[in-house]
Amino acid sequence: MAGGTEDPGGGTRPATSTDVAIEAGVSQATVARTFSAPHLVSEATRERVSEAAARLGYAPNAFARSLKSQQSNVVGAVVPAYGEYWQNVLSAVTRELAARGRQLLLFSFTDPGEVDDVLDIVRQYRVSGLLLASASIRPDQLSAMRRQSSPTVAFNQPAASGLVSSVSVDNESGCRLLASHLVDQGCRTAVFVGGVSSISTDQARYRGAAREMGDHGVALPYIEAGAFSYDAGYGCAERIARLAPDAVMVGSDEVAFGVIDGLESRGIRIPDDLAVTGFDGLPQAAWAGIDLTTLVQPTDLLARHAAELLVDTTSASRPTDVVVDGHLRIGRTTKRSDR
């Protein structure tokens, strides 16, 4: 019977591996090998078992198998519950893990103060790897998770270097590219709007921008938005307007979107009155109504490196840092007509 087998009460119950074995005329161990180690089963037997499973509507129980083997193909990800950037990253990582036979299990938080509690919950699961996808996870928290036996990878967090394996865009050189572009456009006064000043990603981006601007005799005051969000960027508009710079370098695209709307609500025209740059290369940055000049992170490449480290069991004891270059995307927000 498709979709299950008859039970003593006259209804149906989910098919089991025993049912599939009887239907296919093989042992239960052969059914288990077909789904857990198909390379150990002949092609003819795999086809017979697969056809029997399809007729009965049988699917192997991944959780039960992991309990028996003390292993799983589930990778945990600790990630903020908000933010377009992280949603974009998780989509790419999920694809790369699926191609390697792994599934992603999310553990989210809304405030950095919740991270310790979330990590305690993660320890209760038998995950085969752990992705720490937030720059707000502290170095001591990173070190604590390194003591786990499964591979741990930090995503785009310079402070993770040497503590756990990490993948990251070159934040400092990326902001140097953006600053150089603004200087070439004739900008002689500028400010930098960061998200949270204590976070290593923010620090690296500001450091790169300030050094490049300084090399050209341009000072770069720092403004802290307080969060990596649209609302935080919108709230910075008044402070930026008082300084009246030629350009605003923003530490993330999402914050930059808020900065642009906040400035334009005050009658400041982008880019005629003031140029704006972002960082990340979110898909929305290329929308016609925004067309943001930004540093585009190669998210698919970063996700591929992260997935490779997460399935490499040797990375648990041998942290590896992978740093890749981004590329400059020039949009309308820095194309002032008189420059």
C-alpha atoms as a PDB file:
ATOM      1  CA  MET A   1       0.000   0.000   0.000  1.00  0.00           C
ATOM      2  CA  ALA A   2       1.488   3.349  -1.060  1.00  0.00           C
ATOM      3  CA  GLY A   3       2.270   5.782   1.764  1.00  0.00           C
ATOM      4  CA  GLY A   4       2.482   3.159   4.530  1.00  0.00           C
ATOM      5  CA  THR A   5       1.402  -0.311   5.606  1.00  0.00           C
ATOM      6  CA  GLU A   6      -1.696  -1.664   7.301  1.00  0.00           C
ATOM      7  CA  ASP A   7      -1.735  -1.743  11.087  1.00  0.00           C
ATOM      8  CA  PRO A   8      -3.773  -4.121  13.285  1.00  0.00           C
ATOM      9  CA  GLY A   9      -6.462  -1.460  13.741  1.00  0.00           C
ATOM     10  CA  GLY A  10      -7.233  -1.362  10.063  1.00  0.00           C
ATOM     11  CA  GLY A  11      -5.545   1.976   9.379  1.00  0.00           C
ATOM     12  CA  THR A  12      -2.079   2.711   8.063  1.00  0.00           C
ATOM     13  CA  ARG A  13       1.235   3.312   9.751  1.00  0.00           C
ATOM     14  CA  PRO A  14       4.497   4.710   8.401  1.00  0.00           C
ATOM     15  CA  ALA A  15       6.534   2.116   6.566  1.00  0.00           C
ATOM     16  CA  THR A  16       9.663   0.839   8.313  1.00  0.00           C
ATOM     17  CA  SER A  17      12.956  -0.509   7.023  1.00  0.00           C
ATOM     18  CA  THR A  18      11.673  -4.004   7.844  1.00  0.00           C
ATOM     19  CA  ASP A  19       8.694  -3.465   5.535  1.00  0.00           C
ATOM     20  CA  VAL A  20      11.042  -2.302   2.773  1.00  0.00           C
ATOM     21  CA  ALA A  21      13.279  -5.336   3.292  1.00  0.00           C
ATOM     22  CA  ILE A  22      10.317  -7.699   2.927  1.00  0.00           C
ATOM     23  CA  GLU A  23       9.011  -5.816  -0.111  1.00  0.00           C
ATOM     24  CA  ALA A  24      12.426  -5.840  -1.823  1.00  0.00           C
ATOM     25  CA  GLY A  25      13.376  -9.368  -0.767  1.00  0.00           C
ATOM     26  CA  VAL A  26      16.576  -8.313   1.003  1.00  0.00           C
ATOM     27  CA  SER A  27      17.790  -8.103   4.592  1.00  0.00           C
ATOM     28  CA  GLN A  28      17.107  -5.125   6.839  1.00  0.00           C
ATOM     29  CA  ALA A  29      20.862  -4.514   7.020  1.00  0.00           C
ATOM     30  CA  THR A  30      20.926  -4.168   3.232  1.00  0.00           C
ATOM     31  CA  VAL A  31      18.175  -1.544   3.403  1.00  0.00           C
ATOM     32  CA  ALA A  32      20.153   0.363   6.030  1.00  0.00           C
ATOM     33  CA  ARG A  33      23.325   0.237   3.906  1.00  0.00           C
ATOM     34  CA  THR A  34      21.415   1.389   0.819  1.00  0.00           C
ATOM     35  CA  PHE A  35      20.519   4.659   2.521  1.00  0.00           C
ATOM     36  CA  SER A  36      23.588   5.206   4.728  1.00  0.00           C
ATOM     37  CA  ALA A  37      26.401   3.843   2.517  1.00  0.00           C
ATOM     38  CA  PRO A  38      25.029   3.286  -1.006  1.00  0.00           C
ATOM     39  CA  HIS A  39      28.529   2.736  -2.429  1.00  0.00           C
ATOM     40  CA  LEU A  40      28.648  -0.570  -0.516  1.00  0.00           C
ATOM     41  CA  VAL A  41      25.530  -1.918  -2.281  1.00  0.00           C
ATOM     42  CA  SER A  42      25.313  -3.134  -5.863  1.00  0.00           C
ATOM     43  CA  GLU A  43      23.450  -0.961  -8.343  1.00  0.00           C
ATOM     44  CA  ALA A  44      20.789  -3.606  -8.925  1.00  0.00           C
ATOM     45  CA  THR A  45      20.124  -3.964  -5.197  1.00  0.00           C
ATOM     46  CA  ARG A  46      20.018  -0.179  -4.727  1.00  0.00           C
ATOM     47  CA  GLU A  47      17.396   0.099  -7.442  1.00  0.00           C
ATOM     48  CA  ARG A  48      15.296  -2.721  -5.969  1.00  0.00           C
ATOM     49  CA  VAL A  49      15.407  -1.210  -2.476  1.00  0.00           C
ATOM     50  CA  SER A  50      14.718   2.310  -3.767  1.00  0.00           C
ATOM     51  CA  GLU A  51      11.716   1.137  -5.780  1.00  0.00           C
ATOM     52  CA  ALA A  52      10.322  -0.744  -2.777  1.00  0.00           C
ATOM     53  CA  ALA A  53      10.811   2.304  -0.554  1.00  0.00           C
ATOM     54  CA  ALA A  54       9.020   4.504  -3.104  1.00  0.00           C
ATOM     55  CA  ARG A  55       6.064   2.129  -3.296  1.00  0.00           C
ATOM     56  CA  LEU A  56       5.709   2.090   0.491  1.00  0.00           C
ATOM     57  CA  GLY A  57       6.410   5.796   0.970  1.00  0.00           C
ATOM     58  CA  TYR A  58       9.402   5.011   3.178  1.00  0.00           C
ATOM     59  CA  ALA A  59      12.053   7.595   4.127  1.00  0.00           C
ATOM     60  CA  PRO A  60      14.951   6.859   6.506  1.00  0.00           C
ATOM     61  CA  ASN A  61      14.903   8.593   9.900  1.00  0.00           C
ATOM     62  CA  ALA A  62      18.007  10.765   9.978  1.00  0.00           C
ATOM     63  CA  PHE A  63      17.692  11.531  13.693  1.00  0.00           C
ATOM     64  CA  ALA A  64      17.336   7.884  14.649  1.00  0.00           C
ATOM     65  CA  ARG A  65      20.352   7.005  12.518  1.00  0.00           C
ATOM     66  CA  SER A  66      22.421   9.737  14.179  1.00  0.00           C
ATOM     67  CA  LEU A  67      21.512   8.450  17.659  1.00  0.00           C
ATOM     68  CA  LYS A  68      22.689   4.973  16.706  1.00  0.00           C
ATOM     69  CA  SER A  69      25.924   6.088  15.034  1.00  0.00           C
ATOM     70  CA  GLN A  70      26.683   8.928  17.494  1.00  0.00           C
ATOM     71  CA  GLN A  71      27.082  11.148  14.418  1.00  0.00           C
ATOM     72  CA  SER A  72      24.813  13.357  12.342  1.00  0.00           C
ATOM     73  CA  ASN A  73      24.841  15.187   9.052  1.00  0.00           C
ATOM     74  CA  VAL A  74      23.371  18.276  10.682  1.00  0.00           C
ATOM     75  CA  VAL A  75      25.411  21.477  10.904  1.00  0.00           C
ATOM     76  CA  GLY A  76      24.352  24.070  13.463  1.00  0.00           C
ATOM     77  CA  ALA A  77      24.416  27.804  12.734  1.00  0.00           C
ATOM     78  CA  VAL A  78      24.314  30.508  15.416  1.00  0.00           C
ATOM     79  CA  VAL A  79      22.974  33.597  13.677  1.00  0.00           C
ATOM     80  CA  PRO A  80      21.117  36.848  14.479  1.00  0.00           C
ATOM     81  CA  ALA A  81      17.356  36.653  14.024  1.00  0.00           C
ATOM     82  CA  TYR A  82      17.441  39.795  11.876  1.00  0.00           C
ATOM     83  CA  GLY A  83      19.491  41.324   9.065  1.00  0.00           C
ATOM     84  CA  GLU A  84      19.396  41.023   5.292  1.00  0.00           C
ATOM     85  CA  TYR A  85      23.110  40.243   5.168  1.00  0.00           C
ATOM     86  CA  TRP A  86      22.842  37.105   7.268  1.00  0.00           C
ATOM     87  CA  GLN A  87      19.778  35.865   5.393  1.00  0.00           C
ATOM     88  CA  ASN A  88      21.790  36.134   2.196  1.00  0.00           C
ATOM     89  CA  VAL A  89      24.722  34.268   3.753  1.00  0.00           C
ATOM     90  CA  LEU A  90      22.569  31.465   5.142  1.00  0.00           C
ATOM     91  CA  SER A  91      20.944  30.835   1.769  1.00  0.00           C
ATOM     92  CA  ALA A  92      24.366  30.365   0.182  1.00  0.00           C
ATOM     93  CA  VAL A  93      25.712  28.188   3.018  1.00  0.00           C
ATOM     94  CA  THR A  94      22.591  25.993   2.955  1.00  0.00           C
ATOM     95  CA  ARG A  95      23.105  25.300  -0.759  1.00  0.00           C
ATOM     96  CA  GLU A  96      26.756  24.417  -0.296  1.00  0.00           C
ATOM     97  CA  LEU A  97      26.088  22.129   2.660  1.00  0.00           C
ATOM     98  CA  ALA A  98      23.255  20.349   0.839  1.00  0.00           C
ATOM     99  CA  ALA A  99      25.656  19.585  -2.006  1.00  0.00           C
ATOM    100  CA  ARG A 100      27.836  17.849   0.592  1.00  0.00           C
ATOM    101  CA  GLY A 101      25.023  15.850   2.184  1.00  0.00           C
ATOM    102  CA  ARG A 102      24.579  18.155   5.177  1.00  0.00           C
ATOM    103  CA  GLN A 103      21.557  20.017   6.536  1.00  0.00           C
ATOM    104  CA  LEU A 104      21.516  23.296   8.448  1.00  0.00           C
ATOM    105  CA  LEU A 105      19.922  23.724  11.885  1.00  0.00           C
ATOM    106  CA  LEU A 106      19.468  27.349  12.986  1.00  0.00           C
ATOM    107  CA  PHE A 107      19.988  28.716  16.497  1.00  0.00           C
ATOM    108  CA  SER A 108      19.042  32.392  16.460  1.00  0.00           C
ATOM    109  CA  PHE A 109      19.279  35.279  18.903  1.00  0.00           C
ATOM    110  CA  THR A 110      17.904  38.819  18.923  1.00  0.00           C
ATOM    111  CA  ASP A 111      20.430  40.388  21.310  1.00  0.00           C
ATOM    112  CA  PRO A 112      24.167  39.656  21.790  1.00  0.00           C
ATOM    113  CA  GLY A 113      23.462  39.102  25.482  1.00  0.00           C
ATOM    114  CA  GLU A 114      21.583  35.930  24.523  1.00  0.00           C
ATOM    115  CA  VAL A 115      24.549  34.267  22.807  1.00  0.00           C
ATOM    116  CA  ASP A 116      25.780  32.364  25.899  1.00  0.00           C
ATOM    117  CA  ASP A 117      22.335  30.809  26.365  1.00  0.00           C
ATOM    118  CA  VAL A 118      22.139  29.895  22.683  1.00  0.00           C
ATOM    119  CA  LEU A 119      25.577  28.247  22.779  1.00  0.00           C
ATOM    120  CA  ASP A 120      24.496  26.224  25.816  1.00  0.00           C
ATOM    121  CA  ILE A 121      21.541  24.950  23.770  1.00  0.00           C
ATOM    122  CA  VAL A 122      23.811  24.098  20.834  1.00  0.00           C
ATOM    123  CA  ARG A 123      25.889  21.852  23.100  1.00  0.00           C
ATOM    124  CA  GLN A 124      22.814  19.701  23.708  1.00  0.00           C
ATOM    125  CA  TYR A 125      22.670  18.732  20.026  1.00  0.00           C
ATOM    126  CA  ARG A 126      24.950  16.264  18.300  1.00  0.00           C
ATOM    127  CA  VAL A 127      25.810  18.515  15.366  1.00  0.00           C
ATOM    128  CA  SER A 128      28.562  17.508  12.954  1.00  0.00           C
ATOM    129  CA  GLY A 129      29.785  21.104  12.651  1.00  0.00           C
ATOM    130  CA  LEU A 130      28.996  24.614  13.865  1.00  0.00           C
ATOM    131  CA  LEU A 131      28.855  27.890  11.921  1.00  0.00           C
ATOM    132  CA  LEU A 132      29.175  31.008  14.089  1.00  0.00           C
ATOM    133  CA  ALA A 133      27.579  33.567  11.799  1.00  0.00           C
ATOM    134  CA  SER A 134      27.726  36.778  13.776  1.00  0.00           C
ATOM    135  CA  ALA A 135      30.455  39.326  14.420  1.00  0.00           C
ATOM    136  CA  SER A 136      28.910  39.991  17.849  1.00  0.00           C
ATOM    137  CA  ILE A 137      30.035  36.581  19.174  1.00  0.00           C
ATOM    138  CA  ARG A 138      32.906  37.417  21.551  1.00  0.00           C
ATOM    139  CA  PRO A 139      36.415  35.893  21.342  1.00  0.00           C
ATOM    140  CA  ASP A 140      35.937  34.058  24.655  1.00  0.00           C
ATOM    141  CA  GLN A 141      32.742  32.509  23.289  1.00  0.00           C
ATOM    142  CA  LEU A 142      34.585  31.480  20.131  1.00  0.00           C
ATOM    143  CA  SER A 143      37.331  29.844  22.205  1.00  0.00           C
ATOM    144  CA  ALA A 144      34.786  27.944  24.281  1.00  0.00           C
ATOM    145  CA  MET A 145      33.190  26.447  21.169  1.00  0.00           C
ATOM    146  CA  ARG A 146      36.575  25.424  19.766  1.00  0.00           C
ATOM    147  CA  ARG A 147      36.781  22.846  22.552  1.00  0.00           C
ATOM    148  CA  GLN A 148      33.942  20.961  20.872  1.00  0.00           C
ATOM    149  CA  SER A 149      35.006  17.897  18.886  1.00  0.00           C
ATOM    150  CA  SER A 150      33.188  18.963  15.709  1.00  0.00           C
ATOM    151  CA  PRO A 151      34.511  21.588  13.234  1.00  0.00           C
ATOM    152  CA  THR A 152      33.655  25.180  14.176  1.00  0.00           C
ATOM    153  CA  VAL A 153      33.801  27.991  11.605  1.00  0.00           C
ATOM    154  CA  ALA A 154      33.312  31.737  12.138  1.00  0.00           C
ATOM    155  CA  PHE A 155      31.907  33.730   9.230  1.00  0.00           C
ATOM    156  CA  ASN A 156      33.352  37.173   8.479  1.00  0.00           C
ATOM    157  CA  GLN A 157      34.772  37.916  11.902  1.00  0.00           C
ATOM    158  CA  PRO A 158      38.418  39.054  12.030  1.00  0.00           C
ATOM    159  CA  ALA A 159      38.585  38.446  15.807  1.00  0.00           C
ATOM    160  CA  ALA A 160      38.145  34.710  15.188  1.00  0.00           C
ATOM    161  CA  SER A 161      41.586  34.348  13.611  1.00  0.00           C
ATOM    162  CA  GLY A 162      43.629  31.758  15.505  1.00  0.00           C
ATOM    163  CA  LEU A 163      40.702  30.795  17.751  1.00  0.00           C
ATOM    164  CA  VAL A 164      38.553  28.807  15.331  1.00  0.00           C
ATOM    165  CA  SER A 165      38.567  28.311  11.575  1.00  0.00           C
ATOM    166  CA  SER A 166      37.173  31.331   9.771  1.00  0.00           C
ATOM    167  CA  VAL A 167      36.201  32.642   6.361  1.00  0.00           C
ATOM    168  CA  SER A 168      36.092  36.351   5.655  1.00  0.00           C
ATOM    169  CA  VAL A 169      36.240  39.006   3.013  1.00  0.00           C
ATOM    170  CA  ASP A 170      39.249  41.308   3.281  1.00  0.00           C
ATOM    171  CA  ASN A 171      37.402  44.043   5.182  1.00  0.00           C
ATOM    172  CA  GLU A 172      40.303  46.458   5.477  1.00  0.00           C
ATOM    173  CA  SER A 173      41.421  46.397   1.847  1.00  0.00           C
ATOM    174  CA  GLY A 174      37.790  46.572   0.724  1.00  0.00           C
ATOM    175  CA  CYS A 175      37.277  49.852   2.542  1.00  0.00           C
ATOM    176  CA  ARG A 176      40.554  51.169   1.167  1.00  0.00           C
ATOM    177  CA  LEU A 177      39.133  50.589  -2.330  1.00  0.00           C
ATOM    178  CA  LEU A 178      35.982  52.514  -1.455  1.00  0.00           C
ATOM    179  CA  ALA A 179      37.941  55.391   0.099  1.00  0.00           C
ATOM    180  CA  SER A 180      40.251  55.592  -2.911  1.00  0.00           C
ATOM    181  CA  HIS A 181      37.223  55.792  -5.199  1.00  0.00           C
ATOM    182  CA  LEU A 182      35.800  58.703  -3.192  1.00  0.00           C
ATOM    183  CA  VAL A 183      39.102  60.572  -3.313  1.00  0.00           C
ATOM    184  CA  ASP A 184      39.209  60.048  -7.075  1.00  0.00           C
ATOM    185  CA  GLN A 185      35.699  61.527  -7.203  1.00  0.00           C
ATOM    186  CA  GLY A 186      36.955  64.702  -5.547  1.00  0.00           C
ATOM    187  CA  CYS A 187      35.769  64.134  -1.970  1.00  0.00           C
ATOM    188  CA  ARG A 188      37.804  66.165   0.506  1.00  0.00           C
ATOM    189  CA  THR A 189      35.705  65.774   3.663  1.00  0.00           C
ATOM    190  CA  ALA A 190      34.088  62.549   4.830  1.00  0.00           C
ATOM    191  CA  VAL A 191      32.664  60.668   7.804  1.00  0.00           C
ATOM    192  CA  PHE A 192      32.441  56.950   8.537  1.00  0.00           C
ATOM    193  CA  VAL A 193      29.224  55.456   9.926  1.00  0.00           C
ATOM    194  CA  GLY A 194      29.869  52.153  11.654  1.00  0.00           C
ATOM    195  CA  GLY A 195      27.452  49.730  13.231  1.00  0.00           C
ATOM    196  CA  VAL A 196      28.968  48.814  16.619  1.00  0.00           C
ATOM    197  CA  SER A 197      32.470  50.104  17.353  1.00  0.00           C
ATOM    198  CA  SER A 198      33.480  47.176  19.588  1.00  0.00           C
ATOM    199  CA  ILE A 199      32.995  44.590  16.818  1.00  0.00           C
ATOM    200  CA  SER A 200      36.126  43.525  14.957  1.00  0.00           C
ATOM    201  CA  THR A 201      34.469  43.667  11.523  1.00  0.00           C
ATOM    202  CA  ASP A 202      33.519  47.302  12.100  1.00  0.00           C
ATOM    203  CA  GLN A 203      37.011  48.096  13.364  1.00  0.00           C
ATOM    204  CA  ALA A 204      38.716  46.535  10.328  1.00  0.00           C
ATOM    205  CA  ARG A 205      36.509  48.419   7.883  1.00  0.00           C
ATOM    206  CA  TYR A 206      37.023  51.754   9.620  1.00  0.00           C
ATOM    207  CA  ARG A 207      40.760  51.138   9.878  1.00  0.00           C
ATOM    208  CA  GLY A 208      41.053  50.522   6.135  1.00  0.00           C
ATOM    209  CA  ALA A 209      38.947  53.569   5.251  1.00  0.00           C
ATOM    210  CA  ALA A 210      40.750  55.883   7.703  1.00  0.00           C
ATOM    211  CA  ARG A 211      44.205  54.816   6.519  1.00  0.00           C
ATOM    212  CA  GLU A 212      43.396  55.363   2.852  1.00  0.00           C
ATOM    213  CA  MET A 213      41.734  58.706   3.514  1.00  0.00           C
ATOM    214  CA  GLY A 214      44.641  59.719   5.740  1.00  0.00           C
ATOM    215  CA  ASP A 215      47.107  58.918   2.968  1.00  0.00           C
ATOM    216  CA  HIS A 216      45.328  61.631   0.949  1.00  0.00           C
ATOM    217  CA  GLY A 217      45.112  64.152   3.760  1.00  0.00           C
ATOM    218  CA  VAL A 218      41.419  63.558   4.471  1.00  0.00           C
ATOM    219  CA  ALA A 219      40.260  63.163   8.083  1.00  0.00           C
ATOM    220  CA  LEU A 220      37.561  60.541   8.721  1.00  0.00           C
ATOM    221  CA  PRO A 221      35.509  61.058  11.916  1.00  0.00           C
ATOM    222  CA  TYR A 222      33.651  57.955  13.161  1.00  0.00           C
ATOM    223  CA  ILE A 223      29.918  57.869  13.956  1.00  0.00           C
ATOM    224  CA  GLU A 224      28.486  54.809  15.709  1.00  0.00           C
ATOM    225  CA  ALA A 225      24.999  53.872  14.522  1.00  0.00           C
ATOM    226  CA  GLY A 226      24.548  51.426  17.423  1.00  0.00           C
ATOM    227  CA  ALA A 227      23.370  48.497  15.299  1.00  0.00           C
ATOM    228  CA  PHE A 228      23.721  47.044  11.812  1.00  0.00           C
ATOM    229  CA  SER A 229      20.194  47.967  10.768  1.00  0.00           C
ATOM    230  CA  TYR A 230      18.207  50.297   8.530  1.00  0.00           C
ATOM    231  CA  ASP A 231      16.680  52.115  11.512  1.00  0.00           C
ATOM    232  CA  ALA A 232      20.104  52.714  13.056  1.00  0.00           C
ATOM    233  CA  GLY A 233      21.335  54.242   9.801  1.00  0.00           C
ATOM    234  CA  TYR A 234      18.239  56.425   9.451  1.00  0.00           C
ATOM    235  CA  GLY A 235      18.825  57.751  12.945  1.00  0.00           C
ATOM    236  CA  CYS A 236      22.349  58.939  12.055  1.00  0.00           C
ATOM    237  CA  ALA A 237      21.145  61.364   9.383  1.00  0.00           C
ATOM    238  CA  GLU A 238      20.897  64.392  11.673  1.00  0.00           C
ATOM    239  CA  ARG A 239      24.465  64.012  12.960  1.00  0.00           C
ATOM    240  CA  ILE A 240      25.770  63.569   9.419  1.00  0.00           C
ATOM    241  CA  ALA A 241      23.870  66.614   8.189  1.00  0.00           C
ATOM    242  CA  ARG A 242      25.423  68.801  10.926  1.00  0.00           C
ATOM    243  CA  LEU A 243      28.928  67.809   9.781  1.00  0.00           C
ATOM    244  CA  ALA A 244      28.079  68.504   6.113  1.00  0.00           C
ATOM    245  CA  PRO A 245      30.777  66.249   4.567  1.00  0.00           C
ATOM    246  CA  ASP A 246      31.375  65.559   0.892  1.00  0.00           C
ATOM    247  CA  ALA A 247      30.896  61.828   1.477  1.00  0.00           C
ATOM    248  CA  VAL A 248      29.660  59.238   3.971  1.00  0.00           C
ATOM    249  CA  MET A 249      31.290  55.820   4.135  1.00  0.00           C
ATOM    250  CA  VAL A 250      28.913  53.351   5.777  1.00  0.00           C
ATOM    251  CA  GLY A 251      30.095  50.061   7.277  1.00  0.00           C
ATOM    252  CA  SER A 252      27.227  47.974   5.850  1.00  0.00           C
ATOM    253  CA  ASP A 253      24.687  48.194   3.049  1.00  0.00           C
ATOM    254  CA  GLU A 254      21.692  47.827   5.343  1.00  0.00           C
ATOM    255  CA  VAL A 255      22.811  50.772   7.468  1.00  0.00           C
ATOM    256  CA  ALA A 256      23.583  52.715   4.270  1.00  0.00           C
ATOM    257  CA  PHE A 257      19.998  52.270   3.051  1.00  0.00           C
ATOM    258  CA  GLY A 258      18.792  53.955   6.237  1.00  0.00           C
ATOM    259  CA  VAL A 259      21.396  56.714   5.980  1.00  0.00           C
ATOM    260  CA  ILE A 260      20.313  57.546   2.413  1.00  0.00           C
ATOM    261  CA  ASP A 261      16.620  57.712   3.300  1.00  0.00           C
ATOM    262  CA  GLY A 262      17.328  59.731   6.439  1.00  0.00           C
ATOM    263  CA  LEU A 263      19.420  62.285   4.560  1.00  0.00           C
ATOM    264  CA  GLU A 264      16.975  62.594   1.676  1.00  0.00           C
ATOM    265  CA  SER A 265      14.135  63.155   4.152  1.00  0.00           C
ATOM    266  CA  ARG A 266      16.076  66.244   5.243  1.00  0.00           C
ATOM    267  CA  GLY A 267      16.355  67.561   1.706  1.00  0.00           C
ATOM    268  CA  ILE A 268      19.930  66.360   1.134  1.00  0.00           C
ATOM    269  CA  ARG A 269      20.282  65.000  -2.374  1.00  0.00           C
ATOM    270  CA  ILE A 270      22.273  61.824  -3.021  1.00  0.00           C
ATOM    271  CA  PRO A 271      24.728  62.076  -4.741  1.00  0.00           C
ATOM    272  CA  ASP A 272      24.578  65.769  -5.772  1.00  0.00           C
ATOM    273  CA  ASP A 273      24.945  67.103  -2.233  1.00  0.00           C
ATOM    274  CA  LEU A 274      26.693  64.148  -0.650  1.00  0.00           C
ATOM    275  CA  ALA A 275      28.146  60.805  -1.844  1.00  0.00           C
ATOM    276  CA  VAL A 276      27.393  57.544   0.017  1.00  0.00           C
ATOM    277  CA  THR A 277      29.104  54.153  -0.024  1.00  0.00           C
ATOM    278  CA  GLY A 278      28.131  50.885   1.638  1.00  0.00           C
ATOM    279  CA  PHE A 279      29.769  47.526   2.257  1.00  0.00           C
ATOM    280  CA  ASP A 280      28.525  43.948   1.616  1.00  0.00           C
ATOM    281  CA  GLY A 281      26.983  43.968  -1.856  1.00  0.00           C
ATOM    282  CA  LEU A 282      23.464  42.952  -0.856  1.00  0.00           C
ATOM    283  CA  PRO A 283      21.140  42.239  -3.807  1.00  0.00           C
ATOM    284  CA  GLN A 284      19.073  45.321  -2.892  1.00  0.00           C
ATOM    285  CA  ALA A 285      22.134  47.536  -3.456  1.00  0.00           C
ATOM    286  CA  ALA A 286      21.757  46.978  -7.205  1.00  0.00           C
ATOM    287  CA  TRP A 287      18.069  47.924  -7.300  1.00  0.00           C
ATOM    288  CA  ALA A 288      17.443  50.858  -9.621  1.00  0.00           C
ATOM    289  CA  GLY A 289      15.964  53.007  -6.853  1.00  0.00           C
ATOM    290  CA  ILE A 290      19.086  52.540  -4.684  1.00  0.00           C
ATOM    291  CA  ASP A 291      22.043  51.772  -6.984  1.00  0.00           C
ATOM    292  CA  LEU A 292      24.541  51.930  -4.119  1.00  0.00           C
ATOM    293  CA  THR A 293      28.298  52.139  -4.547  1.00  0.00           C
ATOM    294  CA  THR A 294      29.537  49.314  -2.340  1.00  0.00           C
ATOM    295  CA  LEU A 295      32.142  46.629  -1.758  1.00  0.00           C
ATOM    296  CA  VAL A 296      30.621  43.360  -2.958  1.00  0.00           C
ATOM    297  CA  GLN A 297      31.474  40.311  -0.902  1.00  0.00           C
ATOM    298  CA  PRO A 298      31.791  37.059  -2.921  1.00  0.00           C
ATOM    299  CA  THR A 299      29.157  35.363  -0.757  1.00  0.00           C
ATOM    300  CA  ASP A 300      28.971  32.152  -2.785  1.00  0.00           C
ATOM    301  CA  LEU A 301      32.743  31.702  -2.595  1.00  0.00           C
ATOM    302  CA  LEU A 302      32.793  32.419   1.146  1.00  0.00           C
ATOM    303  CA  ALA A 303      29.953  29.930   1.668  1.00  0.00           C
ATOM    304  CA  ARG A 304      31.837  27.294  -0.331  1.00  0.00           C
ATOM    305  CA  HIS A 305      34.949  27.719   1.827  1.00  0.00           C
ATOM    306  CA  ALA A 306      32.829  27.601   4.988  1.00  0.00           C
ATOM    307  CA  ALA A 307      31.101  24.377   3.897  1.00  0.00           C
ATOM    308  CA  GLU A 308      34.433  22.751   3.068  1.00  0.00           C
ATOM    309  CA  LEU A 309      35.783  23.556   6.530  1.00  0.00           C
ATOM    310  CA  LEU A 310      32.581  22.381   8.213  1.00  0.00           C
ATOM    311  CA  VAL A 311      32.829  18.898   6.678  1.00  0.00           C
ATOM    312  CA  ASP A 312      36.599  18.658   7.255  1.00  0.00           C
ATOM    313  CA  THR A 313      37.001  16.937  10.629  1.00  0.00           C
ATOM    314  CA  THR A 314      40.666  17.937  10.868  1.00  0.00           C
ATOM    315  CA  SER A 315      39.700  21.624  11.067  1.00  0.00           C
ATOM    316  CA  ALA A 316      38.391  21.058  14.615  1.00  0.00           C
ATOM    317  CA  SER A 317      41.972  20.793  15.885  1.00  0.00           C
ATOM    318  CA  ARG A 318      43.714  22.865  13.196  1.00  0.00           C
ATOM    319  CA  PRO A 319      42.076  26.305  12.762  1.00  0.00           C
ATOM    320  CA  THR A 320      42.327  27.698   9.238  1.00  0.00           C
ATOM    321  CA  ASP A 321      41.756  31.296   8.133  1.00  0.00           C
ATOM    322  CA  VAL A 322      40.429  31.929   4.624  1.00  0.00           C
ATOM    323  CA  VAL A 323      40.404  35.576   3.470  1.00  0.00           C
ATOM    324  CA  VAL A 324      39.148  36.540   0.012  1.00  0.00           C
ATOM    325  CA  ASP A 325      38.939  39.820  -1.861  1.00  0.00           C
ATOM    326  CA  GLY A 326      35.706  41.629  -2.652  1.00  0.00           C
ATOM    327  CA  HIS A 327      35.173  43.885  -5.643  1.00  0.00           C
ATOM    328  CA  LEU A 328      34.037  47.476  -6.038  1.00  0.00           C
ATOM    329  CA  ARG A 329      30.554  48.119  -7.407  1.00  0.00           C
ATOM    330  CA  ILE A 330      30.120  51.739  -8.515  1.00  0.00           C
ATOM    331  CA  GLY A 331      26.528  52.960  -8.428  1.00  0.00           C
ATOM    332  CA  ARG A 332      24.734  56.294  -8.676  1.00  0.00           C
ATOM    333  CA  THR A 333      25.343  57.216  -5.012  1.00  0.00           C
ATOM    334  CA  THR A 334      28.862  58.462  -5.772  1.00  0.00           C
ATOM    335  CA  LYS A 335      28.287  59.847  -9.292  1.00  0.00           C
ATOM    336  CA  ARG A 336      27.779  63.529  -8.583  1.00  0.00           C
ATOM    337  CA  SER A 337      27.523  65.414 -11.881  1.00  0.00           C
ATOM    338  CA  ASP A 338      30.056  68.127 -11.005  1.00  0.00           C
ATOM    339  CA  ARG A 339      32.787  65.747  -9.869  1.00  0.00           C
END
